């Protein structure tokens, strides 16, 4: 077999890793992260009790399953780009004996649905974490508007500018200590500014045609016992860390990572390391 081909064992390892990541997402990231945003939806917005619902970036389906279980009549369609997460969601639907929810793989913001199909569309954009964040939110919002009926409820979960600022201050110090400040500073600035402010997110929604745009905001605190606990937590390691470290040379990533742990531990003393997440749910209507 040529060197450019993946062996059976290699393919098996990749598949196993994807499944492991999906289970880690379901067991740890969902309750620690996703459900905090879903709770804002549940506590502040009255979802219809019947009709057709669409969830974009549904994860392992926690909110979609809750809606499917509670509606009096209708259908729920839930999409996510990660097939392994959808397998978990389908298994949960089977356990709950729900036949009114369909989980499908999502290949981009554009979906297979026709215009004006849904009475409510809920999208999660809270884990988008790159320089094209605002463009991706705009693309998702445009698709939500396209597939929804007139007066449909439209909700976007997002993490806003200022999220993880405590970490980014430490990251700048680590880059300085590793003599990488000059070559990585612009990348760090892009990471800091990748997420829109709440007002910018609202304006993106108005731009694509949302009516009656408003938002509910919340600040959530995440607590870690040490620097290594922060870096190795599934929430950080599986969802954000690769993107954060992409701004430094590959041969320097391990050095920067180690320095981050050291600075966090030095700064926290005997106290836990706290980071804050500025969450928002942007609402509108077709």
C-alpha atoms as a PDB file:
ATOM      1  CA  UNK A   1       0.000   0.000   0.000  1.00  0.00           C
ATOM      2  CA  UNK A   2       1.347   3.454  -0.939  1.00  0.00           C
ATOM      3  CA  UNK A   3       2.408   5.931   1.694  1.00  0.00           C
ATOM      4  CA  UNK A   4      -0.463   8.265   0.755  1.00  0.00           C
ATOM      5  CA  UNK A   5      -3.120   5.656   1.627  1.00  0.00           C
ATOM      6  CA  UNK A   6      -4.645   5.179   5.044  1.00  0.00           C
ATOM      7  CA  UNK A   7      -4.350   1.694   6.505  1.00  0.00           C
ATOM      8  CA  UNK A   8      -7.364  -0.177   7.863  1.00  0.00           C
ATOM      9  CA  UNK A   9      -6.053   0.308  11.386  1.00  0.00           C
ATOM     10  CA  UNK A  10      -5.586   4.006  10.704  1.00  0.00           C
ATOM     11  CA  UNK A  11      -9.126   4.349   9.361  1.00  0.00           C
ATOM     12  CA  UNK A  12     -10.473   2.433  12.358  1.00  0.00           C
ATOM     13  CA  UNK A  13      -8.598   4.775  14.709  1.00  0.00           C
ATOM     14  CA  UNK A  14     -10.062   7.845  12.990  1.00  0.00           C
ATOM     15  CA  UNK A  15     -13.589   6.409  13.241  1.00  0.00           C
ATOM     16  CA  UNK A  16     -13.071   5.523  16.895  1.00  0.00           C
ATOM     17  CA  UNK A  17     -11.768   9.012  17.627  1.00  0.00           C
ATOM     18  CA  UNK A  18     -14.796  10.617  15.961  1.00  0.00           C
ATOM     19  CA  UNK A  19     -17.125   8.475  18.033  1.00  0.00           C
ATOM     20  CA  UNK A  20     -15.199   9.286  21.195  1.00  0.00           C
ATOM     21  CA  UNK A  21     -15.413  13.010  20.453  1.00  0.00           C
ATOM     22  CA  UNK A  22     -19.159  12.694  19.882  1.00  0.00           C
ATOM     23  CA  UNK A  23     -19.634  10.922  23.204  1.00  0.00           C
ATOM     24  CA  UNK A  24     -17.465  13.517  24.982  1.00  0.00           C
ATOM     25  CA  UNK A  25     -19.567  16.226  23.372  1.00  0.00           C
ATOM     26  CA  UNK A  26     -22.785  14.581  24.568  1.00  0.00           C
ATOM     27  CA  UNK A  27     -21.596  13.786  28.090  1.00  0.00           C
ATOM     28  CA  UNK A  28     -19.579  16.925  28.856  1.00  0.00           C
ATOM     29  CA  UNK A  29     -19.859  19.740  26.305  1.00  0.00           C
ATOM     30  CA  UNK A  30     -23.659  19.531  26.029  1.00  0.00           C
ATOM     31  CA  UNK A  31     -24.406  19.925  29.776  1.00  0.00           C
ATOM     32  CA  UNK A  32     -21.537  22.356  30.372  1.00  0.00           C
ATOM     33  CA  UNK A  33     -22.083  24.538  27.300  1.00  0.00           C
ATOM     34  CA  UNK A  34     -25.067  23.847  25.038  1.00  0.00           C
ATOM     35  CA  UNK A  35     -27.659  23.461  27.754  1.00  0.00           C
ATOM     36  CA  UNK A  36     -26.787  26.870  29.180  1.00  0.00           C
ATOM     37  CA  UNK A  37     -27.797  28.456  25.866  1.00  0.00           C
ATOM     38  CA  UNK A  38     -30.822  26.152  25.512  1.00  0.00           C
ATOM     39  CA  UNK A  39     -31.963  27.212  28.980  1.00  0.00           C
ATOM     40  CA  UNK A  40     -32.029  30.855  27.848  1.00  0.00           C
ATOM     41  CA  UNK A  41     -34.287  29.771  24.974  1.00  0.00           C
ATOM     42  CA  UNK A  42     -36.596  27.759  27.223  1.00  0.00           C
ATOM     43  CA  UNK A  43     -36.881  30.492  29.883  1.00  0.00           C
ATOM     44  CA  UNK A  44     -37.348  33.496  27.605  1.00  0.00           C
ATOM     45  CA  UNK A  45     -39.070  32.440  24.396  1.00  0.00           C
ATOM     46  CA  UNK A  46     -42.424  30.761  23.961  1.00  0.00           C
ATOM     47  CA  UNK A  47     -41.972  28.097  21.310  1.00  0.00           C
ATOM     48  CA  UNK A  48     -45.120  27.062  19.397  1.00  0.00           C
ATOM     49  CA  UNK A  49     -46.827  23.968  20.777  1.00  0.00           C
ATOM     50  CA  UNK A  50     -47.413  22.571  17.294  1.00  0.00           C
ATOM     51  CA  UNK A  51     -46.098  22.937  13.765  1.00  0.00           C
ATOM     52  CA  UNK A  52     -42.883  22.202  11.908  1.00  0.00           C
ATOM     53  CA  UNK A  53     -39.582  22.942  13.662  1.00  0.00           C
ATOM     54  CA  UNK A  54     -36.045  23.074  12.287  1.00  0.00           C
ATOM     55  CA  UNK A  55     -32.858  22.931  14.373  1.00  0.00           C
ATOM     56  CA  UNK A  56     -29.509  23.806  12.780  1.00  0.00           C
ATOM     57  CA  UNK A  57     -26.294  22.594  14.454  1.00  0.00           C
ATOM     58  CA  UNK A  58     -28.426  20.477  16.779  1.00  0.00           C
ATOM     59  CA  UNK A  59     -25.496  18.612  18.376  1.00  0.00           C
ATOM     60  CA  UNK A  60     -26.722  15.404  19.986  1.00  0.00           C
ATOM     61  CA  UNK A  61     -30.258  16.721  19.921  1.00  0.00           C
ATOM     62  CA  UNK A  62     -31.076  17.714  23.495  1.00  0.00           C
ATOM     63  CA  UNK A  63     -33.321  20.711  22.708  1.00  0.00           C
ATOM     64  CA  UNK A  64     -34.766  19.152  19.547  1.00  0.00           C
ATOM     65  CA  UNK A  65     -35.769  16.052  21.497  1.00  0.00           C
ATOM     66  CA  UNK A  66     -37.310  18.168  24.247  1.00  0.00           C
ATOM     67  CA  UNK A  67     -39.429  20.043  21.705  1.00  0.00           C
ATOM     68  CA  UNK A  68     -40.425  16.838  19.903  1.00  0.00           C
ATOM     69  CA  UNK A  69     -41.520  15.342  23.211  1.00  0.00           C
ATOM     70  CA  UNK A  70     -43.586  18.369  24.241  1.00  0.00           C
ATOM     71  CA  UNK A  71     -45.368  19.540  21.092  1.00  0.00           C
ATOM     72  CA  UNK A  72     -49.017  18.582  20.637  1.00  0.00           C
ATOM     73  CA  UNK A  73     -48.690  18.015  16.900  1.00  0.00           C
ATOM     74  CA  UNK A  74     -46.085  18.507  14.218  1.00  0.00           C
ATOM     75  CA  UNK A  75     -42.614  17.472  13.138  1.00  0.00           C
ATOM     76  CA  UNK A  76     -39.080  18.298  14.201  1.00  0.00           C
ATOM     77  CA  UNK A  77     -36.127  18.229  11.818  1.00  0.00           C
ATOM     78  CA  UNK A  78     -32.684  18.513  13.394  1.00  0.00           C
ATOM     79  CA  UNK A  79     -29.456  18.915  11.416  1.00  0.00           C
ATOM     80  CA  UNK A  80     -25.798  18.734  12.431  1.00  0.00           C
ATOM     81  CA  UNK A  81     -22.544  18.423  10.432  1.00  0.00           C
ATOM     82  CA  UNK A  82     -21.167  15.631  12.654  1.00  0.00           C
ATOM     83  CA  UNK A  83     -22.601  12.208  11.740  1.00  0.00           C
ATOM     84  CA  UNK A  84     -21.461  10.616  14.994  1.00  0.00           C
ATOM     85  CA  UNK A  85     -23.421  13.160  17.026  1.00  0.00           C
ATOM     86  CA  UNK A  86     -26.518  12.367  14.995  1.00  0.00           C
ATOM     87  CA  UNK A  87     -26.117   8.659  15.770  1.00  0.00           C
ATOM     88  CA  UNK A  88     -26.329   9.505  19.477  1.00  0.00           C
ATOM     89  CA  UNK A  89     -29.350  11.756  18.883  1.00  0.00           C
ATOM     90  CA  UNK A  90     -31.184   9.028  16.954  1.00  0.00           C
ATOM     91  CA  UNK A  91     -30.476   6.528  19.718  1.00  0.00           C
ATOM     92  CA  UNK A  92     -31.961   8.936  22.262  1.00  0.00           C
ATOM     93  CA  UNK A  93     -35.064   9.382  20.097  1.00  0.00           C
ATOM     94  CA  UNK A  94     -35.479   5.600  19.968  1.00  0.00           C
ATOM     95  CA  UNK A  95     -35.215   5.303  23.731  1.00  0.00           C
ATOM     96  CA  UNK A  96     -37.859   8.017  24.114  1.00  0.00           C
ATOM     97  CA  UNK A  97     -39.989   6.329  21.395  1.00  0.00           C
ATOM     98  CA  UNK A  98     -40.306   9.567  19.442  1.00  0.00           C
ATOM     99  CA  UNK A  99     -41.426   9.200  15.834  1.00  0.00           C
ATOM    100  CA  UNK A 100     -41.898  12.915  15.129  1.00  0.00           C
ATOM    101  CA  UNK A 101     -38.207  13.890  15.001  1.00  0.00           C
ATOM    102  CA  UNK A 102     -35.793  13.356  12.100  1.00  0.00           C
ATOM    103  CA  UNK A 103     -32.029  13.817  12.388  1.00  0.00           C
ATOM    104  CA  UNK A 104     -30.071  14.570   9.209  1.00  0.00           C
ATOM    105  CA  UNK A 105     -26.498  15.455   8.348  1.00  0.00           C
ATOM    106  CA  UNK A 106     -25.854  19.114   7.561  1.00  0.00           C
ATOM    107  CA  UNK A 107     -23.247  19.887   4.897  1.00  0.00           C
ATOM    108  CA  UNK A 108     -23.397  23.684   5.121  1.00  0.00           C
ATOM    109  CA  UNK A 109     -25.786  26.530   5.903  1.00  0.00           C
ATOM    110  CA  UNK A 110     -27.843  25.726   2.791  1.00  0.00           C
ATOM    111  CA  UNK A 111     -30.394  22.983   3.518  1.00  0.00           C
ATOM    112  CA  UNK A 112     -32.516  20.741   1.291  1.00  0.00           C
ATOM    113  CA  UNK A 113     -35.789  22.305   2.435  1.00  0.00           C
ATOM    114  CA  UNK A 114     -38.063  24.460   0.319  1.00  0.00           C
ATOM    115  CA  UNK A 115     -38.888  28.071   1.135  1.00  0.00           C
ATOM    116  CA  UNK A 116     -41.455  28.712   3.836  1.00  0.00           C
ATOM    117  CA  UNK A 117     -41.635  25.230   5.395  1.00  0.00           C
ATOM    118  CA  UNK A 118     -41.148  25.883   9.114  1.00  0.00           C
ATOM    119  CA  UNK A 119     -43.007  27.577  11.963  1.00  0.00           C
ATOM    120  CA  UNK A 120     -39.858  27.942  14.094  1.00  0.00           C
ATOM    121  CA  UNK A 121     -36.152  27.694  13.307  1.00  0.00           C
ATOM    122  CA  UNK A 122     -33.503  27.501  16.040  1.00  0.00           C
ATOM    123  CA  UNK A 123     -29.790  27.589  15.212  1.00  0.00           C
ATOM    124  CA  UNK A 124     -26.764  27.152  17.437  1.00  0.00           C
ATOM    125  CA  UNK A 125     -23.786  29.300  16.466  1.00  0.00           C
ATOM    126  CA  UNK A 126     -22.169  29.343  19.903  1.00  0.00           C
ATOM    127  CA  UNK A 127     -19.212  27.115  19.006  1.00  0.00           C
ATOM    128  CA  UNK A 128     -18.226  28.881  15.802  1.00  0.00           C
ATOM    129  CA  UNK A 129     -14.738  30.125  16.584  1.00  0.00           C
ATOM    130  CA  UNK A 130     -12.846  31.494  13.615  1.00  0.00           C
ATOM    131  CA  UNK A 131     -12.252  34.656  11.630  1.00  0.00           C
ATOM    132  CA  UNK A 132     -15.283  33.971   9.407  1.00  0.00           C
ATOM    133  CA  UNK A 133     -17.625  33.747  12.399  1.00  0.00           C
ATOM    134  CA  UNK A 134     -19.756  36.731  11.437  1.00  0.00           C
ATOM    135  CA  UNK A 135     -20.073  35.626   7.805  1.00  0.00           C
ATOM    136  CA  UNK A 136     -21.164  32.165   8.940  1.00  0.00           C
ATOM    137  CA  UNK A 137     -23.787  33.584  11.284  1.00  0.00           C
ATOM    138  CA  UNK A 138     -25.086  35.733   8.438  1.00  0.00           C
ATOM    139  CA  UNK A 139     -25.292  32.693   6.124  1.00  0.00           C
ATOM    140  CA  UNK A 140     -27.151  30.680   8.770  1.00  0.00           C
ATOM    141  CA  UNK A 141     -29.556  33.562   9.415  1.00  0.00           C
ATOM    142  CA  UNK A 142     -30.288  33.905   5.693  1.00  0.00           C
ATOM    143  CA  UNK A 143     -31.129  30.203   5.430  1.00  0.00           C
ATOM    144  CA  UNK A 144     -33.338  30.399   8.527  1.00  0.00           C
ATOM    145  CA  UNK A 145     -35.291  33.208   6.911  1.00  0.00           C
ATOM    146  CA  UNK A 146     -35.604  31.344   3.596  1.00  0.00           C
ATOM    147  CA  UNK A 147     -37.065  28.124   5.022  1.00  0.00           C
ATOM    148  CA  UNK A 148     -39.419  29.761   7.541  1.00  0.00           C
ATOM    149  CA  UNK A 149     -43.009  30.834   7.120  1.00  0.00           C
ATOM    150  CA  UNK A 150     -44.284  34.356   7.633  1.00  0.00           C
ATOM    151  CA  UNK A 151     -44.336  35.243  11.343  1.00  0.00           C
ATOM    152  CA  UNK A 152     -42.189  32.193  12.191  1.00  0.00           C
ATOM    153  CA  UNK A 153     -40.036  32.421  15.307  1.00  0.00           C
ATOM    154  CA  UNK A 154     -36.303  32.600  14.535  1.00  0.00           C
ATOM    155  CA  UNK A 155     -33.670  32.090  17.252  1.00  0.00           C
ATOM    156  CA  UNK A 156     -29.865  32.072  17.053  1.00  0.00           C
ATOM    157  CA  UNK A 157     -27.720  31.017  20.013  1.00  0.00           C
ATOM    158  CA  UNK A 158     -24.327  32.738  19.970  1.00  0.00           C
ATOM    159  CA  UNK A 159     -21.327  33.543  22.133  1.00  0.00           C
ATOM    160  CA  UNK A 160     -20.516  37.228  21.838  1.00  0.00           C
ATOM    161  CA  UNK A 161     -17.376  39.395  21.861  1.00  0.00           C
ATOM    162  CA  UNK A 162     -15.650  39.308  25.240  1.00  0.00           C
ATOM    163  CA  UNK A 163     -16.035  35.554  25.628  1.00  0.00           C
ATOM    164  CA  UNK A 164     -12.838  34.018  27.085  1.00  0.00           C
ATOM    165  CA  UNK A 165     -11.179  37.444  27.465  1.00  0.00           C
ATOM    166  CA  UNK A 166      -9.497  36.228  30.679  1.00  0.00           C
ATOM    167  CA  UNK A 167      -7.812  33.490  28.662  1.00  0.00           C
ATOM    168  CA  UNK A 168      -6.796  35.791  25.809  1.00  0.00           C
ATOM    169  CA  UNK A 169      -4.969  38.082  28.249  1.00  0.00           C
ATOM    170  CA  UNK A 170      -2.956  35.075  29.422  1.00  0.00           C
ATOM    171  CA  UNK A 171      -2.429  33.948  25.825  1.00  0.00           C
ATOM    172  CA  UNK A 172      -0.825  37.292  24.978  1.00  0.00           C
ATOM    173  CA  UNK A 173       1.537  36.855  27.953  1.00  0.00           C
ATOM    174  CA  UNK A 174       2.430  33.312  26.833  1.00  0.00           C
ATOM    175  CA  UNK A 175       3.226  34.500  23.311  1.00  0.00           C
ATOM    176  CA  UNK A 176       5.413  37.253  24.751  1.00  0.00           C
ATOM    177  CA  UNK A 177       7.272  34.814  27.013  1.00  0.00           C
ATOM    178  CA  UNK A 178       7.840  32.406  24.108  1.00  0.00           C
ATOM    179  CA  UNK A 179       9.122  35.269  21.912  1.00  0.00           C
ATOM    180  CA  UNK A 180       6.282  34.734  19.452  1.00  0.00           C
ATOM    181  CA  UNK A 181       4.497  37.993  20.086  1.00  0.00           C
ATOM    182  CA  UNK A 182       5.516  39.704  16.828  1.00  0.00           C
ATOM    183  CA  UNK A 183       4.576  36.838  14.507  1.00  0.00           C
ATOM    184  CA  UNK A 184       1.364  35.793  16.277  1.00  0.00           C
ATOM    185  CA  UNK A 185      -0.088  39.059  17.577  1.00  0.00           C
ATOM    186  CA  UNK A 186      -2.262  39.714  14.517  1.00  0.00           C
ATOM    187  CA  UNK A 187      -3.637  36.184  14.761  1.00  0.00           C
ATOM    188  CA  UNK A 188      -4.475  36.713  18.423  1.00  0.00           C
ATOM    189  CA  UNK A 189      -6.278  39.953  17.585  1.00  0.00           C
ATOM    190  CA  UNK A 190      -8.338  38.080  14.992  1.00  0.00           C
ATOM    191  CA  UNK A 191      -9.298  35.456  17.567  1.00  0.00           C
ATOM    192  CA  UNK A 192     -10.327  38.126  20.070  1.00  0.00           C
ATOM    193  CA  UNK A 193     -12.462  39.940  17.481  1.00  0.00           C
ATOM    194  CA  UNK A 194     -13.812  36.848  15.671  1.00  0.00           C
ATOM    195  CA  UNK A 195     -17.049  36.847  17.622  1.00  0.00           C
ATOM    196  CA  UNK A 196     -19.491  39.678  16.944  1.00  0.00           C
ATOM    197  CA  UNK A 197     -20.802  41.963  19.643  1.00  0.00           C
ATOM    198  CA  UNK A 198     -24.469  41.447  20.460  1.00  0.00           C
ATOM    199  CA  UNK A 199     -25.397  44.606  18.531  1.00  0.00           C
ATOM    200  CA  UNK A 200     -23.382  43.375  15.523  1.00  0.00           C
ATOM    201  CA  UNK A 201     -25.151  40.011  15.639  1.00  0.00           C
ATOM    202  CA  UNK A 202     -28.505  41.755  15.773  1.00  0.00           C
ATOM    203  CA  UNK A 203     -27.537  43.883  12.786  1.00  0.00           C
ATOM    204  CA  UNK A 204     -26.494  40.783  10.811  1.00  0.00           C
ATOM    205  CA  UNK A 205     -29.975  39.374  11.374  1.00  0.00           C
ATOM    206  CA  UNK A 206     -31.670  42.606  10.306  1.00  0.00           C
ATOM    207  CA  UNK A 207     -29.441  42.699   7.231  1.00  0.00           C
ATOM    208  CA  UNK A 208     -30.769  39.378   5.938  1.00  0.00           C
ATOM    209  CA  UNK A 209     -34.378  40.322   6.682  1.00  0.00           C
ATOM    210  CA  UNK A 210     -35.280  39.351  10.266  1.00  0.00           C
ATOM    211  CA  UNK A 211     -38.063  41.514  11.675  1.00  0.00           C
ATOM    212  CA  UNK A 212     -38.542  42.516  15.329  1.00  0.00           C
ATOM    213  CA  UNK A 213     -34.951  41.683  16.216  1.00  0.00           C
ATOM    214  CA  UNK A 214     -34.050  41.619  19.899  1.00  0.00           C
ATOM    215  CA  UNK A 215     -31.778  39.607  22.163  1.00  0.00           C
ATOM    216  CA  UNK A 216     -31.502  38.080  25.597  1.00  0.00           C
ATOM    217  CA  UNK A 217     -27.975  38.123  26.991  1.00  0.00           C
ATOM    218  CA  UNK A 218     -26.304  36.281  29.818  1.00  0.00           C
ATOM    219  CA  UNK A 219     -22.830  36.003  31.298  1.00  0.00           C
ATOM    220  CA  UNK A 220     -21.841  32.513  32.359  1.00  0.00           C
ATOM    221  CA  UNK A 221     -18.840  31.618  34.499  1.00  0.00           C
ATOM    222  CA  UNK A 222     -16.745  28.522  33.843  1.00  0.00           C
ATOM    223  CA  UNK A 223     -14.453  27.354  36.633  1.00  0.00           C
ATOM    224  CA  UNK A 224     -11.356  25.169  36.265  1.00  0.00           C
ATOM    225  CA  UNK A 225      -9.207  23.835  39.085  1.00  0.00           C
ATOM    226  CA  UNK A 226      -5.856  24.323  37.312  1.00  0.00           C
ATOM    227  CA  UNK A 227      -4.203  25.287  34.054  1.00  0.00           C
ATOM    228  CA  UNK A 228      -4.050  21.693  32.865  1.00  0.00           C
ATOM    229  CA  UNK A 229      -7.681  21.165  33.889  1.00  0.00           C
ATOM    230  CA  UNK A 230      -8.605  24.094  31.634  1.00  0.00           C
ATOM    231  CA  UNK A 231      -6.472  23.028  28.650  1.00  0.00           C
ATOM    232  CA  UNK A 232      -7.440  19.345  28.871  1.00  0.00           C
ATOM    233  CA  UNK A 233     -11.164  19.833  29.487  1.00  0.00           C
ATOM    234  CA  UNK A 234     -13.282  18.531  26.569  1.00  0.00           C
ATOM    235  CA  UNK A 235     -14.982  21.919  26.319  1.00  0.00           C
ATOM    236  CA  UNK A 236     -11.651  23.590  25.520  1.00  0.00           C
ATOM    237  CA  UNK A 237      -9.583  20.761  24.009  1.00  0.00           C
ATOM    238  CA  UNK A 238     -12.256  19.415  21.670  1.00  0.00           C
ATOM    239  CA  UNK A 239     -13.831  22.668  20.527  1.00  0.00           C
ATOM    240  CA  UNK A 240     -11.510  25.675  20.814  1.00  0.00           C
ATOM    241  CA  UNK A 241      -7.879  24.755  21.469  1.00  0.00           C
ATOM    242  CA  UNK A 242      -6.816  23.780  17.943  1.00  0.00           C
ATOM    243  CA  UNK A 243      -8.141  27.056  16.573  1.00  0.00           C
ATOM    244  CA  UNK A 244      -6.406  29.033  19.304  1.00  0.00           C
ATOM    245  CA  UNK A 245      -3.056  27.317  18.704  1.00  0.00           C
ATOM    246  CA  UNK A 246      -3.306  27.629  14.923  1.00  0.00           C
ATOM    247  CA  UNK A 247      -1.911  31.164  15.132  1.00  0.00           C
ATOM    248  CA  UNK A 248       1.543  29.856  16.164  1.00  0.00           C
ATOM    249  CA  UNK A 249       4.002  27.702  14.230  1.00  0.00           C
ATOM    250  CA  UNK A 250       3.318  23.954  14.626  1.00  0.00           C
ATOM    251  CA  UNK A 251       6.761  23.431  16.143  1.00  0.00           C
ATOM    252  CA  UNK A 252       5.984  26.059  18.812  1.00  0.00           C
ATOM    253  CA  UNK A 253       2.487  24.887  19.758  1.00  0.00           C
ATOM    254  CA  UNK A 254       3.606  22.536  22.554  1.00  0.00           C
ATOM    255  CA  UNK A 255       5.847  25.246  24.046  1.00  0.00           C
ATOM    256  CA  UNK A 256       3.007  27.782  24.056  1.00  0.00           C
ATOM    257  CA  UNK A 257       0.586  25.264  25.479  1.00  0.00           C
ATOM    258  CA  UNK A 258       2.922  24.462  28.356  1.00  0.00           C
ATOM    259  CA  UNK A 259       3.492  28.133  29.041  1.00  0.00           C
ATOM    260  CA  UNK A 260      -0.261  28.770  29.136  1.00  0.00           C
ATOM    261  CA  UNK A 261      -0.663  26.131  31.840  1.00  0.00           C
ATOM    262  CA  UNK A 262       2.187  27.627  33.867  1.00  0.00           C
ATOM    263  CA  UNK A 263       0.848  31.191  33.675  1.00  0.00           C
ATOM    264  CA  UNK A 264      -2.670  30.133  34.634  1.00  0.00           C
ATOM    265  CA  UNK A 265      -1.371  28.240  37.668  1.00  0.00           C
ATOM    266  CA  UNK A 266       0.864  31.134  38.720  1.00  0.00           C
ATOM    267  CA  UNK A 267      -1.937  33.676  38.344  1.00  0.00           C
ATOM    268  CA  UNK A 268      -4.631  31.714  40.164  1.00  0.00           C
ATOM    269  CA  UNK A 269      -2.596  30.850  43.271  1.00  0.00           C
ATOM    270  CA  UNK A 270      -4.817  28.677  45.434  1.00  0.00           C
ATOM    271  CA  UNK A 271      -7.977  29.784  43.614  1.00  0.00           C
ATOM    272  CA  UNK A 272      -9.700  28.183  40.612  1.00  0.00           C
ATOM    273  CA  UNK A 273      -9.253  29.677  37.154  1.00  0.00           C
ATOM    274  CA  UNK A 274     -12.445  31.415  36.036  1.00  0.00           C
ATOM    275  CA  UNK A 275     -13.369  32.395  32.488  1.00  0.00           C
ATOM    276  CA  UNK A 276     -16.551  34.111  31.395  1.00  0.00           C
ATOM    277  CA  UNK A 277     -18.713  33.487  28.359  1.00  0.00           C
ATOM    278  CA  UNK A 278     -20.990  36.232  27.084  1.00  0.00           C
ATOM    279  CA  UNK A 279     -23.955  34.390  25.647  1.00  0.00           C
ATOM    280  CA  UNK A 280     -26.807  35.744  23.594  1.00  0.00           C
ATOM    281  CA  UNK A 281     -29.940  34.434  21.962  1.00  0.00           C
ATOM    282  CA  UNK A 282     -30.936  36.635  19.039  1.00  0.00           C
ATOM    283  CA  UNK A 283     -34.606  36.452  18.190  1.00  0.00           C
ATOM    284  CA  UNK A 284     -36.607  37.678  15.241  1.00  0.00           C
ATOM    285  CA  UNK A 285     -39.493  36.872  12.939  1.00  0.00           C
ATOM    286  CA  UNK A 286     -39.854  36.259   9.234  1.00  0.00           C
END
